[in-house]
Every structure is written in C-alpha cells, then in structure tokens.
Amino acid sequence: MNKISLCCLLSLAFLNTASAAEEAAPQSDPNNFCFFAGVPPAEFTYTVLRKVKVAKGTYGGVAELLGELSQRARAEGGDAIINYAGSQRFGFFPWRLVRPVVRGQSIKWTGAAPNCEQAGGSTLATIVRTNKAPDQSGQPAAPETPAAQ
C-alpha cells in the first residue's frame, strides 16, 4: 500500500513540475513570426541556420504553407526567415500540375530581435491577412503622406 501511495505522490509531483515549466516558458505567438523578402538592414545582426522549404503536392495557395514553414524554422531554432519566396511551381508533370512552394533561410538573431515591420519584414499574420509577400527592398516601408494641396 505504501508503494502505491508513493508512486501516486511522485507522479503528481512530476505533473505539477511539468505544468509549472510550461507556464514559466510560454511559446511566442506563431502569427508574429517574421519574414523578409531579402535580408534585414545591416544594423540587425543574425546567423543563418539553414534553408527551409515547404511544398504541397497538389493545387493550392502559398498562404496555406506559411504556418508550416515558420514551424520548421522554429524547430531549427530560427527567429525569422530571410530571402523568403513563395510561388506556384510545376510539378513532375508540368503540363498538368502546378503546386505551391514556399522557401527561405531560417535565421537566429545574434542581438536583440527587432520589431518585424520596423525592420522591413512582415509577420505571418500580415502576409495571410493582406495576401502580399514582404517588401523586396529590405527597408521599412515609408509612411504614406497626404498629397500637398
């Protein structure tokens, strides 16, 4: 009887420790993952981890694959994706099948992570909402100014 109660107490202690660890280190929001069409400005230092690519075997849109691309980059320890490109590619039978492909390079910031939009990138949520790829210039978009009258 004592062995059973000891096992129960140990398993409860383990479960409590595991839940406390999850609360202490919350996962960042996947919708805030940053994509750059080119490279970020020079003042933001980073190291390139590896190339990442996700493709679908059949018809579909590029936006469907962005979540998986950011998950793969995060699994590698990446903080953002540079040289992002998403397009429709011909598959094995080019006259019949066009499929979506997204690719880029996962990076890890060596300094403090910059604000994505201010650094010239776009978040996953912004790309999906607007259905537009990040700006190619790598520089923050200039604010729109009203025309002078």
C-alpha atoms as a PDB file:
ATOM      1  CA  MET A   1       0.000   0.000   0.000  1.00  0.00           C
ATOM      2  CA  ASN A   2       2.840   2.386   0.807  1.00  0.00           C
ATOM      3  CA  LYS A   3       4.458   1.739  -2.600  1.00  0.00           C
ATOM      4  CA  ILE A   4       1.237   2.647  -4.411  1.00  0.00           C
ATOM      5  CA  SER A   5       0.772   5.883  -2.485  1.00  0.00           C
ATOM      6  CA  LEU A   6       4.454   6.774  -3.027  1.00  0.00           C
ATOM      7  CA  CYS A   7       4.063   6.216  -6.790  1.00  0.00           C
ATOM      8  CA  CYS A   8       0.941   8.394  -6.833  1.00  0.00           C
ATOM      9  CA  LEU A   9       2.704  11.197  -4.975  1.00  0.00           C
ATOM     10  CA  LEU A  10       5.722  11.066  -7.273  1.00  0.00           C
ATOM     11  CA  SER A  11       3.589  11.150 -10.415  1.00  0.00           C
ATOM     12  CA  LEU A  12       1.580  14.100  -9.063  1.00  0.00           C
ATOM     13  CA  ALA A  13       4.801  15.935  -8.266  1.00  0.00           C
ATOM     14  CA  PHE A  14       6.093  15.248 -11.788  1.00  0.00           C
ATOM     15  CA  LEU A  15       2.890  16.513 -13.390  1.00  0.00           C
ATOM     16  CA  ASN A  16       2.963  19.648 -11.258  1.00  0.00           C
ATOM     17  CA  THR A  17       6.594  20.314 -12.225  1.00  0.00           C
ATOM     18  CA  ALA A  18       5.822  19.845 -15.931  1.00  0.00           C
ATOM     19  CA  SER A  19       2.884  22.249 -15.831  1.00  0.00           C
ATOM     20  CA  ALA A  20       4.936  24.853 -13.946  1.00  0.00           C
ATOM     21  CA  ALA A  21       7.659  24.649 -16.596  1.00  0.00           C
ATOM     22  CA  GLU A  22       5.081  25.227 -19.348  1.00  0.00           C
ATOM     23  CA  GLU A  23       3.737  28.280 -17.531  1.00  0.00           C
ATOM     24  CA  ALA A  24       7.226  29.679 -16.954  1.00  0.00           C
ATOM     25  CA  ALA A  25       8.235  29.499 -20.622  1.00  0.00           C
ATOM     26  CA  PRO A  26       5.225  30.398 -22.775  1.00  0.00           C
ATOM     27  CA  GLN A  27       5.565  29.880 -26.509  1.00  0.00           C
ATOM     28  CA  SER A  28       5.600  33.035 -28.610  1.00  0.00           C
ATOM     29  CA  ASP A  29       2.693  33.631 -30.927  1.00  0.00           C
ATOM     30  CA  PRO A  30       3.303  31.877 -34.283  1.00  0.00           C
ATOM     31  CA  ASN A  31       1.459  34.695 -36.067  1.00  0.00           C
ATOM     32  CA  ASN A  32       4.294  37.071 -35.091  1.00  0.00           C
ATOM     33  CA  PHE A  33       6.955  35.048 -36.935  1.00  0.00           C
ATOM     34  CA  CYS A  34       8.851  37.442 -39.224  1.00  0.00           C
ATOM     35  CA  PHE A  35       9.503  37.023 -42.969  1.00  0.00           C
ATOM     36  CA  PHE A  36      11.917  39.110 -45.069  1.00  0.00           C
ATOM     37  CA  ALA A  37      11.877  39.011 -48.884  1.00  0.00           C
ATOM     38  CA  GLY A  38      15.565  39.916 -48.890  1.00  0.00           C
ATOM     39  CA  VAL A  39      17.805  40.481 -45.917  1.00  0.00           C
ATOM     40  CA  PRO A  40      17.179  42.802 -42.960  1.00  0.00           C
ATOM     41  CA  PRO A  41      19.103  46.084 -42.646  1.00  0.00           C
ATOM     42  CA  ALA A  42      22.769  45.765 -41.657  1.00  0.00           C
ATOM     43  CA  GLU A  43      22.267  47.062 -38.113  1.00  0.00           C
ATOM     44  CA  PHE A  44      20.424  43.837 -37.202  1.00  0.00           C
ATOM     45  CA  THR A  45      22.920  41.014 -36.850  1.00  0.00           C
ATOM     46  CA  TYR A  46      21.993  37.366 -37.314  1.00  0.00           C
ATOM     47  CA  THR A  47      23.356  33.961 -38.210  1.00  0.00           C
ATOM     48  CA  VAL A  48      21.893  31.832 -40.984  1.00  0.00           C
ATOM     49  CA  LEU A  49      20.830  28.419 -39.710  1.00  0.00           C
ATOM     50  CA  ARG A  50      19.696  26.601 -42.858  1.00  0.00           C
ATOM     51  CA  LYS A  51      17.440  26.670 -45.893  1.00  0.00           C
ATOM     52  CA  VAL A  52      13.807  25.727 -45.340  1.00  0.00           C
ATOM     53  CA  LYS A  53      11.280  24.734 -47.972  1.00  0.00           C
ATOM     54  CA  VAL A  54       7.684  23.533 -47.867  1.00  0.00           C
ATOM     55  CA  ALA A  55       5.723  22.385 -50.892  1.00  0.00           C
ATOM     56  CA  LYS A  56       2.294  20.978 -51.466  1.00  0.00           C
ATOM     57  CA  GLY A  57       1.790  18.036 -53.793  1.00  0.00           C
ATOM     58  CA  THR A  58      -1.292  19.447 -55.493  1.00  0.00           C
ATOM     59  CA  TYR A  59      -3.146  22.674 -56.176  1.00  0.00           C
ATOM     60  CA  GLY A  60      -3.472  25.312 -53.510  1.00  0.00           C
ATOM     61  CA  GLY A  61      -2.293  28.666 -52.310  1.00  0.00           C
ATOM     62  CA  VAL A  62       1.005  29.733 -50.862  1.00  0.00           C
ATOM     63  CA  ALA A  63      -0.682  31.127 -47.729  1.00  0.00           C
ATOM     64  CA  GLU A  64      -1.663  27.585 -46.717  1.00  0.00           C
ATOM     65  CA  LEU A  65       2.014  26.653 -46.318  1.00  0.00           C
ATOM     66  CA  LEU A  66       3.348  29.648 -44.393  1.00  0.00           C
ATOM     67  CA  GLY A  67       2.439  28.247 -40.986  1.00  0.00           C
ATOM     68  CA  GLU A  68       4.311  25.040 -41.661  1.00  0.00           C
ATOM     69  CA  LEU A  69       7.323  26.980 -42.986  1.00  0.00           C
ATOM     70  CA  SER A  70       7.509  29.059 -39.810  1.00  0.00           C
ATOM     71  CA  GLN A  71       7.127  25.897 -37.682  1.00  0.00           C
ATOM     72  CA  ARG A  72      10.049  24.251 -39.476  1.00  0.00           C
ATOM     73  CA  ALA A  73      12.200  27.339 -38.984  1.00  0.00           C
ATOM     74  CA  ARG A  74      11.281  27.472 -35.273  1.00  0.00           C
ATOM     75  CA  ALA A  75      12.098  23.766 -34.917  1.00  0.00           C
ATOM     76  CA  GLU A  76      15.610  24.608 -36.147  1.00  0.00           C
ATOM     77  CA  GLY A  77      15.843  27.368 -33.533  1.00  0.00           C
ATOM     78  CA  GLY A  78      15.105  30.164 -36.012  1.00  0.00           C
ATOM     79  CA  ASP A  79      13.686  33.561 -35.128  1.00  0.00           C
ATOM     80  CA  ALA A  80      12.826  34.730 -38.667  1.00  0.00           C
ATOM     81  CA  ILE A  81      13.079  33.806 -42.355  1.00  0.00           C
ATOM     82  CA  ILE A  82      15.136  35.780 -44.869  1.00  0.00           C
ATOM     83  CA  ASN A  83      15.139  35.517 -48.669  1.00  0.00           C
ATOM     84  CA  TYR A  84      11.518  34.390 -48.490  1.00  0.00           C
ATOM     85  CA  ALA A  85       9.858  33.427 -51.762  1.00  0.00           C
ATOM     86  CA  GLY A  86       6.516  31.820 -52.412  1.00  0.00           C
ATOM     87  CA  SER A  87       5.265  30.823 -55.829  1.00  0.00           C
ATOM     88  CA  GLN A  88       3.442  28.292 -57.943  1.00  0.00           C
ATOM     89  CA  ARG A  89       5.809  25.707 -59.452  1.00  0.00           C
ATOM     90  CA  PHE A  90       5.372  22.989 -61.987  1.00  0.00           C
ATOM     91  CA  GLY A  91       5.449  19.515 -60.507  1.00  0.00           C
ATOM     92  CA  PHE A  92       6.578  16.267 -62.079  1.00  0.00           C
ATOM     93  CA  PHE A  93       4.034  16.545 -64.887  1.00  0.00           C
ATOM     94  CA  PRO A  94       4.379  20.227 -65.824  1.00  0.00           C
ATOM     95  CA  TRP A  95       1.502  20.270 -68.301  1.00  0.00           C
ATOM     96  CA  ARG A  96      -0.984  19.098 -65.669  1.00  0.00           C
ATOM     97  CA  LEU A  97       0.091  20.032 -62.168  1.00  0.00           C
ATOM     98  CA  VAL A  98       1.051  23.346 -60.604  1.00  0.00           C
ATOM     99  CA  ARG A  99       1.733  23.350 -56.885  1.00  0.00           C
ATOM    100  CA  PRO A 100       2.559  25.988 -54.262  1.00  0.00           C
ATOM    101  CA  VAL A 101       6.108  26.166 -52.884  1.00  0.00           C
ATOM    102  CA  VAL A 102       7.485  28.451 -50.141  1.00  0.00           C
ATOM    103  CA  ARG A 103      11.157  28.711 -49.268  1.00  0.00           C
ATOM    104  CA  GLY A 104      13.712  30.827 -47.475  1.00  0.00           C
ATOM    105  CA  GLN A 105      16.516  30.684 -44.940  1.00  0.00           C
ATOM    106  CA  SER A 106      15.920  30.471 -41.204  1.00  0.00           C
ATOM    107  CA  ILE A 107      17.994  32.853 -39.102  1.00  0.00           C
ATOM    108  CA  LYS A 108      18.752  33.399 -35.427  1.00  0.00           C
ATOM    109  CA  TRP A 109      19.187  36.971 -34.209  1.00  0.00           C
ATOM    110  CA  THR A 110      22.568  37.458 -32.510  1.00  0.00           C
ATOM    111  CA  GLY A 111      21.480  40.702 -30.879  1.00  0.00           C
ATOM    112  CA  ALA A 112      18.083  41.800 -29.687  1.00  0.00           C
ATOM    113  CA  ALA A 113      15.283  40.801 -32.047  1.00  0.00           C
ATOM    114  CA  PRO A 114      13.984  43.868 -33.912  1.00  0.00           C
ATOM    115  CA  ASN A 115      10.370  44.821 -34.468  1.00  0.00           C
ATOM    116  CA  CYS A 116       9.460  42.968 -37.657  1.00  0.00           C
ATOM    117  CA  GLU A 117       7.651  45.759 -39.529  1.00  0.00           C
ATOM    118  CA  GLN A 118      10.137  48.444 -38.479  1.00  0.00           C
ATOM    119  CA  ALA A 119      12.990  46.287 -39.805  1.00  0.00           C
ATOM    120  CA  GLY A 120      11.296  45.896 -43.189  1.00  0.00           C
ATOM    121  CA  GLY A 121       9.738  42.462 -42.755  1.00  0.00           C
ATOM    122  CA  SER A 122       6.196  41.176 -42.495  1.00  0.00           C
ATOM    123  CA  THR A 123       4.662  38.936 -39.875  1.00  0.00           C
ATOM    124  CA  LEU A 124       2.864  35.727 -40.736  1.00  0.00           C
ATOM    125  CA  ALA A 125      -0.450  37.299 -39.726  1.00  0.00           C
ATOM    126  CA  THR A 126       0.131  40.289 -42.024  1.00  0.00           C
ATOM    127  CA  ILE A 127       1.033  38.121 -45.014  1.00  0.00           C
ATOM    128  CA  VAL A 128      -2.034  35.925 -44.574  1.00  0.00           C
ATOM    129  CA  ARG A 129      -4.366  38.892 -43.956  1.00  0.00           C
ATOM    130  CA  THR A 130      -3.168  41.022 -46.904  1.00  0.00           C
ATOM    131  CA  ASN A 131      -2.187  38.148 -49.226  1.00  0.00           C
ATOM    132  CA  LYS A 132       1.007  40.056 -50.086  1.00  0.00           C
ATOM    133  CA  ALA A 133       4.614  38.974 -49.733  1.00  0.00           C
ATOM    134  CA  PRO A 134       7.064  41.056 -47.674  1.00  0.00           C
ATOM    135  CA  ASP A 135       8.566  44.131 -49.324  1.00  0.00           C
ATOM    136  CA  GLN A 136      11.548  43.317 -51.545  1.00  0.00           C
ATOM    137  CA  SER A 137      13.634  46.332 -50.514  1.00  0.00           C
ATOM    138  CA  GLY A 138      14.531  45.073 -47.039  1.00  0.00           C
ATOM    139  CA  GLN A 139      13.932  48.582 -45.734  1.00  0.00           C
ATOM    140  CA  PRO A 140      10.938  49.690 -43.704  1.00  0.00           C
ATOM    141  CA  ALA A 141       8.064  50.936 -45.825  1.00  0.00           C
ATOM    142  CA  ALA A 142       7.801  54.709 -45.864  1.00  0.00           C
ATOM    143  CA  PRO A 143       4.660  56.058 -44.252  1.00  0.00           C
ATOM    144  CA  GLU A 144       2.107  57.364 -46.693  1.00  0.00           C
ATOM    145  CA  THR A 145       1.853  61.138 -46.716  1.00  0.00           C
ATOM    146  CA  PRO A 146      -1.162  63.022 -47.974  1.00  0.00           C
ATOM    147  CA  ALA A 147      -0.679  64.910 -51.235  1.00  0.00           C
ATOM    148  CA  ALA A 148       0.147  68.599 -50.867  1.00  0.00           C
ATOM    149  CA  GLN A 149      -2.666  70.870 -51.885  1.00  0.00           C
END
